[in-house]
Amino acid sequence: MSNDKKAVKVVQTAGRDRLGEFAPEFARYNDDILFGEVWSRNNILSLHDRSIVTVSALIGAGIFTSALKSHINNAKNHDVTKAEMVEIITQLAFYTGWPKAWAAFGYAQEVYAND
């Protein structure tokens, strides 16, 4: 079984932008390894699907910081629709907890406000 999709290199600078001087190795791991290598394997799992996995993991872990909002926005940029995000969070409510869904919906509403 062959995979004809080509990987698209993901370029990320958030680590260096926010932590480059304070924690340079962590910033490098974030930008070069997590995004530059792992997220760049999008020929295996699309950026759309990868975004869904990431948002789901953050909600499941109870990460309700700007990181979640950023990844919801990233998901939107990778063509996760408002309807899909609503359904994702609704499904997660039953698996991760109702209060987590409520918290996630606040960020989703902000990100998808103009849709």
PDB file of N, CA and C in Angstrom:
ATOM      1  N   MET A   1       0.843  -1.171   0.000  1.00  0.00           N
ATOM      2  CA  MET A   1       0.000   0.000   0.000  1.00  0.00           C
ATOM      3  C   MET A   1       0.891   1.237   0.000  1.00  0.00           C
ATOM      4  N   SER A   2       0.773   2.086  -1.018  1.00  0.00           N
ATOM      5  CA  SER A   2       1.623   3.267  -1.094  1.00  0.00           C
ATOM      6  C   SER A   2       0.865   4.495  -0.617  1.00  0.00           C
ATOM      7  N   ASN A   3       1.628   5.444  -0.159  1.00  0.00           N
ATOM      8  CA  ASN A   3       1.059   6.706   0.303  1.00  0.00           C
ATOM      9  C   ASN A   3       1.569   7.784  -0.642  1.00  0.00           C
ATOM     10  N   ASP A   4       0.679   8.328  -1.489  1.00  0.00           N
ATOM     11  CA  ASP A   4       1.075   9.292  -2.505  1.00  0.00           C
ATOM     12  C   ASP A   4       1.115  10.728  -1.992  1.00  0.00           C
ATOM     13  N   LYS A   5       0.666  10.966  -0.771  1.00  0.00           N
ATOM     14  CA  LYS A   5       0.651  12.321  -0.240  1.00  0.00           C
ATOM     15  C   LYS A   5       2.067  12.760   0.115  1.00  0.00           C
ATOM     16  N   LYS A   6       2.362  14.029  -0.142  1.00  0.00           N
ATOM     17  CA  LYS A   6       3.654  14.601   0.216  1.00  0.00           C
ATOM     18  C   LYS A   6       3.504  15.387   1.509  1.00  0.00           C
ATOM     19  N   ALA A   7       4.488  15.262   2.372  1.00  0.00           N
ATOM     20  CA  ALA A   7       4.487  16.023   3.613  1.00  0.00           C
ATOM     21  C   ALA A   7       4.752  17.497   3.321  1.00  0.00           C
ATOM     22  N   VAL A   8       4.111  18.363   4.082  1.00  0.00           N
ATOM     23  CA  VAL A   8       4.330  19.797   3.985  1.00  0.00           C
ATOM     24  C   VAL A   8       5.057  20.220   5.251  1.00  0.00           C
ATOM     25  N   LYS A   9       6.223  20.821   5.112  1.00  0.00           N
ATOM     26  CA  LYS A   9       7.020  21.253   6.255  1.00  0.00           C
ATOM     27  C   LYS A   9       6.263  22.320   7.042  1.00  0.00           C
ATOM     28  N   VAL A  10       6.117  22.098   8.342  1.00  0.00           N
ATOM     29  CA  VAL A  10       5.458  23.063   9.221  1.00  0.00           C
ATOM     30  C   VAL A  10       6.536  23.917   9.870  1.00  0.00           C
ATOM     31  N   VAL A  11       6.423  25.211   9.708  1.00  0.00           N
ATOM     32  CA  VAL A  11       7.386  26.144  10.283  1.00  0.00           C
ATOM     33  C   VAL A  11       6.716  26.846  11.456  1.00  0.00           C
ATOM     34  N   GLN A  12       7.348  26.772  12.604  1.00  0.00           N
ATOM     35  CA  GLN A  12       6.808  27.348  13.836  1.00  0.00           C
ATOM     36  C   GLN A  12       7.909  28.143  14.505  1.00  0.00           C
ATOM     37  N   THR A  13       7.581  29.332  14.990  1.00  0.00           N
ATOM     38  CA  THR A  13       8.566  30.154  15.698  1.00  0.00           C
ATOM     39  C   THR A  13       8.098  30.559  17.089  1.00  0.00           C
ATOM     40  N   ALA A  14       6.955  30.058  17.517  1.00  0.00           N
ATOM     41  CA  ALA A  14       6.391  30.474  18.813  1.00  0.00           C
ATOM     42  C   ALA A  14       7.338  30.185  19.968  1.00  0.00           C
ATOM     43  N   GLY A  15       8.015  29.052  19.930  1.00  0.00           N
ATOM     44  CA  GLY A  15       8.950  28.719  21.003  1.00  0.00           C
ATOM     45  C   GLY A  15      10.056  29.747  21.116  1.00  0.00           C
ATOM     46  N   ARG A  16      10.700  30.028  20.006  1.00  0.00           N
ATOM     47  CA  ARG A  16      11.785  31.006  20.022  1.00  0.00           C
ATOM     48  C   ARG A  16      11.270  32.414  20.304  1.00  0.00           C
ATOM     49  N   ASP A  17      10.092  32.740  19.767  1.00  0.00           N
ATOM     50  CA  ASP A  17       9.526  34.069  19.993  1.00  0.00           C
ATOM     51  C   ASP A  17       9.235  34.316  21.468  1.00  0.00           C
ATOM     52  N   ARG A  18       8.691  33.306  22.146  1.00  0.00           N
ATOM     53  CA  ARG A  18       8.261  33.502  23.543  1.00  0.00           C
ATOM     54  C   ARG A  18       9.307  33.084  24.563  1.00  0.00           C
ATOM     55  N   LEU A  19      10.098  32.054  24.249  1.00  0.00           N
ATOM     56  CA  LEU A  19      11.019  31.516  25.252  1.00  0.00           C
ATOM     57  C   LEU A  19      12.471  31.417  24.791  1.00  0.00           C
ATOM     58  N   GLY A  20      12.756  31.944  23.620  1.00  0.00           N
ATOM     59  CA  GLY A  20      14.071  31.773  23.020  1.00  0.00           C
ATOM     60  C   GLY A  20      15.248  32.155  23.897  1.00  0.00           C
ATOM     61  N   GLU A  21      15.146  33.258  24.585  1.00  0.00           N
ATOM     62  CA  GLU A  21      16.252  33.678  25.452  1.00  0.00           C
ATOM     63  C   GLU A  21      16.188  33.019  26.822  1.00  0.00           C
ATOM     64  N   PHE A  22      15.000  32.779  27.314  1.00  0.00           N
ATOM     65  CA  PHE A  22      14.837  32.208  28.663  1.00  0.00           C
ATOM     66  C   PHE A  22      15.082  30.705  28.685  1.00  0.00           C
ATOM     67  N   ALA A  23      14.545  29.993  27.724  1.00  0.00           N
ATOM     68  CA  ALA A  23      14.661  28.528  27.662  1.00  0.00           C
ATOM     69  C   ALA A  23      14.949  28.114  26.215  1.00  0.00           C
ATOM     70  N   PRO A  24      16.158  28.399  25.738  1.00  0.00           N
ATOM     71  CA  PRO A  24      16.450  28.185  24.320  1.00  0.00           C
ATOM     72  C   PRO A  24      16.317  26.737  23.846  1.00  0.00           C
ATOM     73  N   GLU A  25      16.675  25.760  24.655  1.00  0.00           N
ATOM     74  CA  GLU A  25      16.566  24.360  24.228  1.00  0.00           C
ATOM     75  C   GLU A  25      15.102  23.932  24.136  1.00  0.00           C
ATOM     76  N   PHE A  26      14.292  24.341  25.106  1.00  0.00           N
ATOM     77  CA  PHE A  26      12.866  24.047  25.044  1.00  0.00           C
ATOM     78  C   PHE A  26      12.260  24.680  23.797  1.00  0.00           C
ATOM     79  N   ALA A  27      12.631  25.926  23.521  1.00  0.00           N
ATOM     80  CA  ALA A  27      12.130  26.623  22.333  1.00  0.00           C
ATOM     81  C   ALA A  27      12.510  25.870  21.066  1.00  0.00           C
ATOM     82  N   ARG A  28      13.742  25.369  21.011  1.00  0.00           N
ATOM     83  CA  ARG A  28      14.198  24.598  19.854  1.00  0.00           C
ATOM     84  C   ARG A  28      13.400  23.304  19.727  1.00  0.00           C
ATOM     85  N   TYR A  29      13.188  22.600  20.836  1.00  0.00           N
ATOM     86  CA  TYR A  29      12.395  21.363  20.788  1.00  0.00           C
ATOM     87  C   TYR A  29      10.992  21.644  20.263  1.00  0.00           C
ATOM     88  N   ASN A  30      10.380  22.737  20.743  1.00  0.00           N
ATOM     89  CA  ASN A  30       9.034  23.105  20.323  1.00  0.00           C
ATOM     90  C   ASN A  30       8.985  23.382  18.824  1.00  0.00           C
ATOM     91  N   ASP A  31       9.861  24.262  18.371  1.00  0.00           N
ATOM     92  CA  ASP A  31       9.803  24.713  16.980  1.00  0.00           C
ATOM     93  C   ASP A  31      10.346  23.689  15.989  1.00  0.00           C
ATOM     94  N   ASP A  32      11.474  23.065  16.326  1.00  0.00           N
ATOM     95  CA  ASP A  32      12.149  22.187  15.372  1.00  0.00           C
ATOM     96  C   ASP A  32      11.712  20.729  15.448  1.00  0.00           C
ATOM     97  N   ILE A  33      11.458  20.236  16.655  1.00  0.00           N
ATOM     98  CA  ILE A  33      11.094  18.827  16.807  1.00  0.00           C
ATOM     99  C   ILE A  33       9.577  18.651  16.742  1.00  0.00           C
ATOM    100  N   LEU A  34       8.857  19.270  17.690  1.00  0.00           N
ATOM    101  CA  LEU A  34       7.399  19.085  17.735  1.00  0.00           C
ATOM    102  C   LEU A  34       6.747  19.522  16.433  1.00  0.00           C
ATOM    103  N   PHE A  35       7.009  20.754  16.021  1.00  0.00           N
ATOM    104  CA  PHE A  35       6.361  21.234  14.800  1.00  0.00           C
ATOM    105  C   PHE A  35       7.162  20.877  13.552  1.00  0.00           C
ATOM    106  N   GLY A  36       8.461  21.097  13.564  1.00  0.00           N
ATOM    107  CA  GLY A  36       9.277  20.864  12.383  1.00  0.00           C
ATOM    108  C   GLY A  36       9.374  19.414  11.952  1.00  0.00           C
ATOM    109  N   GLU A  37       9.258  18.492  12.913  1.00  0.00           N
ATOM    110  CA  GLU A  37       9.332  17.069  12.565  1.00  0.00           C
ATOM    111  C   GLU A  37       7.993  16.352  12.748  1.00  0.00           C
ATOM    112  N   VAL A  38       7.419  16.394  13.941  1.00  0.00           N
ATOM    113  CA  VAL A  38       6.196  15.633  14.216  1.00  0.00           C
ATOM    114  C   VAL A  38       5.017  16.183  13.414  1.00  0.00           C
ATOM    115  N   TRP A  39       4.769  17.493  13.499  1.00  0.00           N
ATOM    116  CA  TRP A  39       3.646  18.081  12.753  1.00  0.00           C
ATOM    117  C   TRP A  39       3.888  18.029  11.245  1.00  0.00           C
ATOM    118  N   SER A  40       5.138  17.932  10.836  1.00  0.00           N
ATOM    119  CA  SER A  40       5.447  17.872   9.408  1.00  0.00           C
ATOM    120  C   SER A  40       5.221  16.490   8.810  1.00  0.00           C
ATOM    121  N   ARG A  41       4.848  15.517   9.609  1.00  0.00           N
ATOM    122  CA  ARG A  41       4.493  14.187   9.081  1.00  0.00           C
ATOM    123  C   ARG A  41       3.030  14.186   8.639  1.00  0.00           C
ATOM    124  N   ASN A  42       2.602  15.285   8.048  1.00  0.00           N
ATOM    125  CA  ASN A  42       1.198  15.440   7.669  1.00  0.00           C
ATOM    126  C   ASN A  42       0.815  14.652   6.427  1.00  0.00           C
ATOM    127  N   ASN A  43       1.757  13.936   5.834  1.00  0.00           N
ATOM    128  CA  ASN A  43       1.406  12.998   4.768  1.00  0.00           C
ATOM    129  C   ASN A  43       0.823  11.720   5.367  1.00  0.00           C
ATOM    130  N   ILE A  44       1.019  11.521   6.654  1.00  0.00           N
ATOM    131  CA  ILE A  44       0.497  10.354   7.360  1.00  0.00           C
ATOM    132  C   ILE A  44      -0.841  10.682   8.013  1.00  0.00           C
ATOM    133  N   LEU A  45      -0.898  11.807   8.699  1.00  0.00           N
ATOM    134  CA  LEU A  45      -2.115  12.293   9.335  1.00  0.00           C
ATOM    135  C   LEU A  45      -2.236  13.758   8.948  1.00  0.00           C
ATOM    136  N   SER A  46      -3.315  14.135   8.295  1.00  0.00           N
ATOM    137  CA  SER A  46      -3.455  15.496   7.773  1.00  0.00           C
ATOM    138  C   SER A  46      -3.400  16.540   8.893  1.00  0.00           C
ATOM    139  N   LEU A  47      -3.092  17.770   8.522  1.00  0.00           N
ATOM    140  CA  LEU A  47      -3.084  18.857   9.501  1.00  0.00           C
ATOM    141  C   LEU A  47      -4.470  19.051  10.103  1.00  0.00           C
ATOM    142  N   HIS A  48      -5.515  18.831   9.323  1.00  0.00           N
ATOM    143  CA  HIS A  48      -6.898  18.879   9.806  1.00  0.00           C
ATOM    144  C   HIS A  48      -7.074  17.874  10.934  1.00  0.00           C
ATOM    145  N   ASP A  49      -6.724  16.618  10.675  1.00  0.00           N
ATOM    146  CA  ASP A  49      -6.911  15.564  11.673  1.00  0.00           C
ATOM    147  C   ASP A  49      -5.957  15.734  12.851  1.00  0.00           C
ATOM    148  N   ARG A  50      -4.732  16.146  12.584  1.00  0.00           N
ATOM    149  CA  ARG A  50      -3.740  16.383  13.633  1.00  0.00           C
ATOM    150  C   ARG A  50      -4.242  17.472  14.581  1.00  0.00           C
ATOM    151  N   SER A  51      -4.892  18.496  14.015  1.00  0.00           N
ATOM    152  CA  SER A  51      -5.450  19.576  14.833  1.00  0.00           C
ATOM    153  C   SER A  51      -6.562  19.064  15.741  1.00  0.00           C
ATOM    154  N   ILE A  52      -7.400  18.181  15.216  1.00  0.00           N
ATOM    155  CA  ILE A  52      -8.469  17.592  16.027  1.00  0.00           C
ATOM    156  C   ILE A  52      -7.880  16.790  17.180  1.00  0.00           C
ATOM    157  N   VAL A  53      -6.854  16.009  16.903  1.00  0.00           N
ATOM    158  CA  VAL A  53      -6.194  15.220  17.953  1.00  0.00           C
ATOM    159  C   VAL A  53      -5.627  16.143  19.025  1.00  0.00           C
ATOM    160  N   THR A  54      -4.970  17.213  18.610  1.00  0.00           N
ATOM    161  CA  THR A  54      -4.335  18.123  19.563  1.00  0.00           C
ATOM    162  C   THR A  54      -5.360  18.823  20.441  1.00  0.00           C
ATOM    163  N   VAL A  55      -6.406  19.358  19.825  1.00  0.00           N
ATOM    164  CA  VAL A  55      -7.459  20.028  20.601  1.00  0.00           C
ATOM    165  C   VAL A  55      -8.102  19.037  21.573  1.00  0.00           C
ATOM    166  N   SER A  56      -8.358  17.831  21.120  1.00  0.00           N
ATOM    167  CA  SER A  56      -8.961  16.807  21.987  1.00  0.00           C
ATOM    168  C   SER A  56      -8.055  16.466  23.160  1.00  0.00           C
ATOM    169  N   ALA A  57      -6.763  16.349  22.898  1.00  0.00           N
ATOM    170  CA  ALA A  57      -5.815  16.030  23.972  1.00  0.00           C
ATOM    171  C   ALA A  57      -5.742  17.155  24.999  1.00  0.00           C
ATOM    172  N   LEU A  58      -5.718  18.388  24.530  1.00  0.00           N
ATOM    173  CA  LEU A  58      -5.662  19.523  25.461  1.00  0.00           C
ATOM    174  C   LEU A  58      -6.915  19.599  26.322  1.00  0.00           C
ATOM    175  N   ILE A  59      -8.072  19.421  25.709  1.00  0.00           N
ATOM    176  CA  ILE A  59      -9.321  19.438  26.478  1.00  0.00           C
ATOM    177  C   ILE A  59      -9.340  18.287  27.471  1.00  0.00           C
ATOM    178  N   GLY A  60      -8.962  17.106  27.022  1.00  0.00           N
ATOM    179  CA  GLY A  60      -8.933  15.941  27.907  1.00  0.00           C
ATOM    180  C   GLY A  60      -8.011  16.131  29.098  1.00  0.00           C
ATOM    181  N   ALA A  61      -6.898  16.827  28.857  1.00  0.00           N
ATOM    182  CA  ALA A  61      -5.927  17.071  29.932  1.00  0.00           C
ATOM    183  C   ALA A  61      -6.311  18.261  30.808  1.00  0.00           C
ATOM    184  N   GLY A  62      -7.367  18.967  30.418  1.00  0.00           N
ATOM    185  CA  GLY A  62      -7.796  20.120  31.211  1.00  0.00           C
ATOM    186  C   GLY A  62      -6.930  21.351  31.008  1.00  0.00           C
ATOM    187  N   ILE A  63      -6.347  21.503  29.827  1.00  0.00           N
ATOM    188  CA  ILE A  63      -5.500  22.664  29.524  1.00  0.00           C
ATOM    189  C   ILE A  63      -6.379  23.764  28.940  1.00  0.00           C
ATOM    190  N   PHE A  64      -6.804  24.679  29.780  1.00  0.00           N
ATOM    191  CA  PHE A  64      -7.683  25.764  29.354  1.00  0.00           C
ATOM    192  C   PHE A  64      -6.944  27.082  29.480  1.00  0.00           C
ATOM    193  N   THR A  65      -5.894  27.190  28.692  1.00  0.00           N
ATOM    194  CA  THR A  65      -5.061  28.390  28.644  1.00  0.00           C
ATOM    195  C   THR A  65      -5.076  28.914  27.218  1.00  0.00           C
ATOM    196  N   SER A  66      -4.273  29.920  26.974  1.00  0.00           N
ATOM    197  CA  SER A  66      -4.162  30.454  25.621  1.00  0.00           C
ATOM    198  C   SER A  66      -3.683  29.380  24.646  1.00  0.00           C
ATOM    199  N   ALA A  67      -3.029  28.332  25.144  1.00  0.00           N
ATOM    200  CA  ALA A  67      -2.590  27.236  24.270  1.00  0.00           C
ATOM    201  C   ALA A  67      -3.790  26.564  23.607  1.00  0.00           C
ATOM    202  N   LEU A  68      -4.865  26.343  24.349  1.00  0.00           N
ATOM    203  CA  LEU A  68      -6.058  25.726  23.766  1.00  0.00           C
ATOM    204  C   LEU A  68      -6.667  26.647  22.718  1.00  0.00           C
ATOM    205  N   LYS A  69      -6.791  27.918  23.048  1.00  0.00           N
ATOM    206  CA  LYS A  69      -7.355  28.862  22.080  1.00  0.00           C
ATOM    207  C   LYS A  69      -6.488  28.892  20.819  1.00  0.00           C
ATOM    208  N   SER A  70      -5.192  28.891  20.997  1.00  0.00           N
ATOM    209  CA  SER A  70      -4.277  28.898  19.857  1.00  0.00           C
ATOM    210  C   SER A  70      -4.453  27.661  18.983  1.00  0.00           C
ATOM    211  N   HIS A  71      -4.611  26.501  19.616  1.00  0.00           N
ATOM    212  CA  HIS A  71      -4.786  25.268  18.844  1.00  0.00           C
ATOM    213  C   HIS A  71      -6.177  25.170  18.218  1.00  0.00           C
ATOM    214  N   ILE A  72      -7.186  25.760  18.833  1.00  0.00           N
ATOM    215  CA  ILE A  72      -8.505  25.820  18.189  1.00  0.00           C
ATOM    216  C   ILE A  72      -8.409  26.718  16.956  1.00  0.00           C
ATOM    217  N   ASN A  73      -7.706  27.820  17.090  1.00  0.00           N
ATOM    218  CA  ASN A  73      -7.496  28.708  15.941  1.00  0.00           C
ATOM    219  C   ASN A  73      -6.684  28.001  14.856  1.00  0.00           C
ATOM    220  N   ASN A  74      -5.672  27.255  15.266  1.00  0.00           N
ATOM    221  CA  ASN A  74      -4.870  26.465  14.335  1.00  0.00           C
ATOM    222  C   ASN A  74      -5.756  25.446  13.611  1.00  0.00           C
ATOM    223  N   ALA A  75      -6.656  24.818  14.347  1.00  0.00           N
ATOM    224  CA  ALA A  75      -7.590  23.861  13.745  1.00  0.00           C
ATOM    225  C   ALA A  75      -8.457  24.553  12.701  1.00  0.00           C
ATOM    226  N   LYS A  76      -8.965  25.726  13.035  1.00  0.00           N
ATOM    227  CA  LYS A  76      -9.767  26.487  12.077  1.00  0.00           C
ATOM    228  C   LYS A  76      -8.943  26.780  10.824  1.00  0.00           C
ATOM    229  N   ASN A  77      -7.698  27.166  11.012  1.00  0.00           N
ATOM    230  CA  ASN A  77      -6.814  27.446   9.873  1.00  0.00           C
ATOM    231  C   ASN A  77      -6.517  26.199   9.040  1.00  0.00           C
ATOM    232  N   HIS A  78      -6.687  25.026   9.663  1.00  0.00           N
ATOM    233  CA  HIS A  78      -6.476  23.761   8.950  1.00  0.00           C
ATOM    234  C   HIS A  78      -7.817  23.146   8.534  1.00  0.00           C
ATOM    235  N   ASP A  79      -8.810  24.011   8.348  1.00  0.00           N
ATOM    236  CA  ASP A  79     -10.111  23.653   7.776  1.00  0.00           C
ATOM    237  C   ASP A  79     -11.010  22.809   8.671  1.00  0.00           C
ATOM    238  N   VAL A  80     -10.813  22.870   9.984  1.00  0.00           N
ATOM    239  CA  VAL A  80     -11.788  22.277  10.896  1.00  0.00           C
ATOM    240  C   VAL A  80     -12.918  23.292  10.997  1.00  0.00           C
ATOM    241  N   THR A  81     -14.091  22.897  10.560  1.00  0.00           N
ATOM    242  CA  THR A  81     -15.217  23.821  10.518  1.00  0.00           C
ATOM    243  C   THR A  81     -15.798  24.057  11.913  1.00  0.00           C
ATOM    244  N   LYS A  82     -16.613  25.095  12.014  1.00  0.00           N
ATOM    245  CA  LYS A  82     -17.322  25.385  13.259  1.00  0.00           C
ATOM    246  C   LYS A  82     -18.179  24.184  13.655  1.00  0.00           C
ATOM    247  N   ALA A  83     -18.908  23.614  12.696  1.00  0.00           N
ATOM    248  CA  ALA A  83     -19.761  22.453  12.983  1.00  0.00           C
ATOM    249  C   ALA A  83     -18.932  21.283  13.496  1.00  0.00           C
ATOM    250  N   GLU A  84     -17.781  21.058  12.886  1.00  0.00           N
ATOM    251  CA  GLU A  84     -16.910  19.970  13.361  1.00  0.00           C
ATOM    252  C   GLU A  84     -16.410  20.246  14.770  1.00  0.00           C
ATOM    253  N   MET A  85     -15.989  21.494  15.047  1.00  0.00           N
ATOM    254  CA  MET A  85     -15.474  21.820  16.378  1.00  0.00           C
ATOM    255  C   MET A  85     -16.563  21.662  17.432  1.00  0.00           C
ATOM    256  N   VAL A  86     -17.776  22.091  17.119  1.00  0.00           N
ATOM    257  CA  VAL A  86     -18.897  21.932  18.051  1.00  0.00           C
ATOM    258  C   VAL A  86     -19.119  20.447  18.337  1.00  0.00           C
ATOM    259  N   GLU A  87     -19.098  19.624  17.310  1.00  0.00           N
ATOM    260  CA  GLU A  87     -19.307  18.184  17.491  1.00  0.00           C
ATOM    261  C   GLU A  87     -18.155  17.538  18.265  1.00  0.00           C
ATOM    262  N   ILE A  88     -16.934  17.964  17.991  1.00  0.00           N
ATOM    263  CA  ILE A  88     -15.758  17.439  18.710  1.00  0.00           C
ATOM    264  C   ILE A  88     -15.908  17.715  20.203  1.00  0.00           C
ATOM    265  N   ILE A  89     -16.204  18.961  20.530  1.00  0.00           N
ATOM    266  CA  ILE A  89     -16.318  19.331  21.949  1.00  0.00           C
ATOM    267  C   ILE A  89     -17.519  18.643  22.589  1.00  0.00           C
ATOM    268  N   THR A  90     -18.611  18.510  21.866  1.00  0.00           N
ATOM    269  CA  THR A  90     -19.782  17.807  22.393  1.00  0.00           C
ATOM    270  C   THR A  90     -19.440  16.356  22.694  1.00  0.00           C
ATOM    271  N   GLN A  91     -18.763  15.689  21.778  1.00  0.00           N
ATOM    272  CA  GLN A  91     -18.342  14.296  22.012  1.00  0.00           C
ATOM    273  C   GLN A  91     -17.412  14.206  23.216  1.00  0.00           C
ATOM    274  N   LEU A  92     -16.474  15.144  23.306  1.00  0.00           N
ATOM    275  CA  LEU A  92     -15.519  15.135  24.419  1.00  0.00           C
ATOM    276  C   LEU A  92     -16.192  15.347  25.764  1.00  0.00           C
ATOM    277  N   ALA A  93     -17.314  16.052  25.775  1.00  0.00           N
ATOM    278  CA  ALA A  93     -18.035  16.282  27.035  1.00  0.00           C
ATOM    279  C   ALA A  93     -18.363  14.965  27.720  1.00  0.00           C
ATOM    280  N   PHE A  94     -18.715  13.960  26.933  1.00  0.00           N
ATOM    281  CA  PHE A  94     -19.103  12.669  27.495  1.00  0.00           C
ATOM    282  C   PHE A  94     -17.904  11.831  27.927  1.00  0.00           C
ATOM    283  N   TYR A  95     -16.747  12.098  27.370  1.00  0.00           N
ATOM    284  CA  TYR A  95     -15.555  11.305  27.678  1.00  0.00           C
ATOM    285  C   TYR A  95     -14.609  11.984  28.654  1.00  0.00           C
ATOM    286  N   THR A  96     -14.592  13.328  28.637  1.00  0.00           N
ATOM    287  CA  THR A  96     -13.624  14.037  29.474  1.00  0.00           C
ATOM    288  C   THR A  96     -14.266  14.824  30.603  1.00  0.00           C
ATOM    289  N   GLY A  97     -15.568  15.053  30.505  1.00  0.00           N
ATOM    290  CA  GLY A  97     -16.273  15.783  31.549  1.00  0.00           C
ATOM    291  C   GLY A  97     -16.987  17.009  31.021  1.00  0.00           C
ATOM    292  N   TRP A  98     -18.192  17.196  31.513  1.00  0.00           N
ATOM    293  CA  TRP A  98     -19.044  18.295  31.068  1.00  0.00           C
ATOM    294  C   TRP A  98     -18.409  19.663  31.315  1.00  0.00           C
ATOM    295  N   PRO A  99     -17.822  19.910  32.497  1.00  0.00           N
ATOM    296  CA  PRO A  99     -17.208  21.226  32.741  1.00  0.00           C
ATOM    297  C   PRO A  99     -16.074  21.542  31.759  1.00  0.00           C
ATOM    298  N   LYS A 100     -15.341  20.530  31.327  1.00  0.00           N
ATOM    299  CA  LYS A 100     -14.271  20.768  30.353  1.00  0.00           C
ATOM    300  C   LYS A 100     -14.852  21.234  29.026  1.00  0.00           C
ATOM    301  N   ALA A 101     -15.966  20.659  28.631  1.00  0.00           N
ATOM    302  CA  ALA A 101     -16.606  21.081  27.383  1.00  0.00           C
ATOM    303  C   ALA A 101     -17.077  22.530  27.493  1.00  0.00           C
ATOM    304  N   TRP A 102     -17.671  22.867  28.624  1.00  0.00           N
ATOM    305  CA  TRP A 102     -18.107  24.248  28.822  1.00  0.00           C
ATOM    306  C   TRP A 102     -16.938  25.205  28.679  1.00  0.00           C
ATOM    307  N   ALA A 103     -15.822  24.864  29.288  1.00  0.00           N
ATOM    308  CA  ALA A 103     -14.642  25.731  29.209  1.00  0.00           C
ATOM    309  C   ALA A 103     -14.131  25.834  27.775  1.00  0.00           C
ATOM    310  N   ALA A 104     -14.097  24.722  27.070  1.00  0.00           N
ATOM    311  CA  ALA A 104     -13.608  24.703  25.694  1.00  0.00           C
ATOM    312  C   ALA A 104     -14.523  25.499  24.766  1.00  0.00           C
ATOM    313  N   PHE A 105     -15.829  25.419  25.004  1.00  0.00           N
ATOM    314  CA  PHE A 105     -16.760  26.151  24.152  1.00  0.00           C
ATOM    315  C   PHE A 105     -16.519  27.660  24.212  1.00  0.00           C
ATOM    316  N   GLY A 106     -16.065  28.163  25.350  1.00  0.00           N
ATOM    317  CA  GLY A 106     -15.761  29.594  25.457  1.00  0.00           C
ATOM    318  C   GLY A 106     -14.713  30.012  24.436  1.00  0.00           C
ATOM    319  N   TYR A 107     -13.638  29.240  24.334  1.00  0.00           N
ATOM    320  CA  TYR A 107     -12.589  29.541  23.351  1.00  0.00           C
ATOM    321  C   TYR A 107     -13.093  29.322  21.931  1.00  0.00           C
ATOM    322  N   ALA A 108     -13.820  28.243  21.714  1.00  0.00           N
ATOM    323  CA  ALA A 108     -14.322  27.944  20.368  1.00  0.00           C
ATOM    324  C   ALA A 108     -15.238  29.068  19.870  1.00  0.00           C
ATOM    325  N   GLN A 109     -16.083  29.593  20.759  1.00  0.00           N
ATOM    326  CA  GLN A 109     -16.967  30.686  20.373  1.00  0.00           C
ATOM    327  C   GLN A 109     -16.155  31.912  19.938  1.00  0.00           C
ATOM    328  N   GLU A 110     -15.076  32.193  20.658  1.00  0.00           N
ATOM    329  CA  GLU A 110     -14.229  33.330  20.284  1.00  0.00           C
ATOM    330  C   GLU A 110     -13.596  33.119  18.922  1.00  0.00           C
ATOM    331  N   VAL A 111     -13.032  31.929  18.705  1.00  0.00           N
ATOM    332  CA  VAL A 111     -12.324  31.650  17.459  1.00  0.00           C
ATOM    333  C   VAL A 111     -13.261  31.641  16.257  1.00  0.00           C
ATOM    334  N   TYR A 112     -14.450  31.077  16.441  1.00  0.00           N
ATOM    335  CA  TYR A 112     -15.398  30.935  15.324  1.00  0.00           C
ATOM    336  C   TYR A 112     -16.458  32.048  15.334  1.00  0.00           C
ATOM    337  N   ALA A 113     -16.225  33.116  16.026  1.00  0.00           N
ATOM    338  CA  ALA A 113     -17.219  34.188  16.183  1.00  0.00           C
ATOM    339  C   ALA A 113     -17.720  34.745  14.849  1.00  0.00           C
ATOM    340  N   ASN A 114     -16.882  34.825  13.865  1.00  0.00           N
ATOM    341  CA  ASN A 114     -17.272  35.435  12.588  1.00  0.00           C
ATOM    342  C   ASN A 114     -17.749  34.419  11.558  1.00  0.00           C
ATOM    343  N   ASP A 115     -17.915  33.174  11.957  1.00  0.00           N
ATOM    344  CA  ASP A 115     -18.375  32.130  11.007  1.00  0.00           C
ATOM    345  C   ASP A 115     -19.882  31.993  11.041  1.00  0.00           C
TER     346      ASP A 115
END
